[in-house]
Amino acid sequence: MVLPSKMPQLADLDLLLSVESYGSVGKAAQAHSLSQPAASIRISAMERRLGLRLLDRSPAGSKLTEDGEMLAKYARNVMQAARELLEFGSGARSSEAKRLRIAGSPAIAEHLIPEWLNRSGFSFGEARVEVRTGDVETLRRLIRTSHVDLAFLDGWCGAGGQGRQQPRDDLVTRYICDDKLAVVVGSRHPWAVRSTPLTVPELAAAPLVLRERGSGLREFTDELLGTAGAPESYVEFPSTSAIKQAVATSRRVTVLNVSTVRSELAEGRLHLVPVDQEMPAKPIYAVWSEHRGLPEYASELVETAAAKGSPVTVFVPGQKAREAGSRKRTRPRKPSLAIDVHESIA
């Protein structure tokens, strides 16, 4: 078969997919180590060869036209086939090399994916595992452009409830578990041994450590405290790690995802404080491309994540801790003071 002269080049199709992902020819050019004029010339030349207008260009950026979106759909298939061909040619498949490309929201990538990998039986000695992170739209873009095989999304990836948005039809989702929120203090805080539920006004009056404005976690915390007025004293940090350190060594208070403090709770450096109202939970989902499906090792990781591994039991004064490994769910008449940390995100 002799390819027609107007057949697009792989590099040009890849560039078009990057324009779709970044919404800008300039940003796509930067990702491909090109100047913006050079990238624009290549896109324009492809438009002439195909006789199609692929981009709507504006000062705010570039968006694919209807024809451009259709071409991008075919381009994703072509690029995936090209990657498979390259792997075959390099002997990656014949040597049975393992590769797993994962992405997750910041909290999941830092606190859950390492544990899921360890429990999945995926051998680090013979595998190439790449883990990336980002907000909701970044993770979905990485999947659509075949830069990752699997992503884990949660409801705290961005403000404004982005975690509630449903992925497009070209993505498959599988529910993994729920990640609950809790009031957290250090071992020096009087509330570390408190046996009565905390009220929202008490929380608002306490010196707080909060995530930065614009984060989903901060949005929830502000809503929680809204009925009691603005907090009297607080410190903002842009990361969960900084918040945990600040709380563990002071008498300040914070609200965090239980999944991010499990090890500190088990070690006794942080403590959960019972609250007189139900604390919300956000779902965690595994997401992958419907067209490409899941590689064997990615599928294994999804099953491990869905199984939730072994719980870590946390002892809180005044209650008997449940046995590690117990999965029995009960709803107490008042807020429970003994919390199975892994079960609390299940």
Foldseek 3Di string as FASTA:
>chain_A
DDDDPLDQDLVLLLLLLLCQLVQALCVSCVVVVHHSVVNVVSPVSNCVSVVHDFWDQDPVGIHGDPVNVVSNVVSLVVVVVVVVVVCVVVCVVVVPQAEAEEEEAPLCLVQPLVVLCVVLPPDPVRYHYHYYHAADSNRVSCQSNVVGFKYKYKQFRWAPRPRPDDDDPQKDKDWAWWWWKFKKAFLPAPLLQDDDADELLVLLAFEAEEEDPGTRRRVVNCVSNVVNDHRPHYHYDNDPVVRLVVRLPDNHMYMDTLSNCQVVQLVRSMGTGHHFDDTDIMIMMMMHGPVVDHDPSRVSSSVSSNVLPWWRWGDHPPDDIDDTVDQDDDDDPGTDRTDRSSSNGD
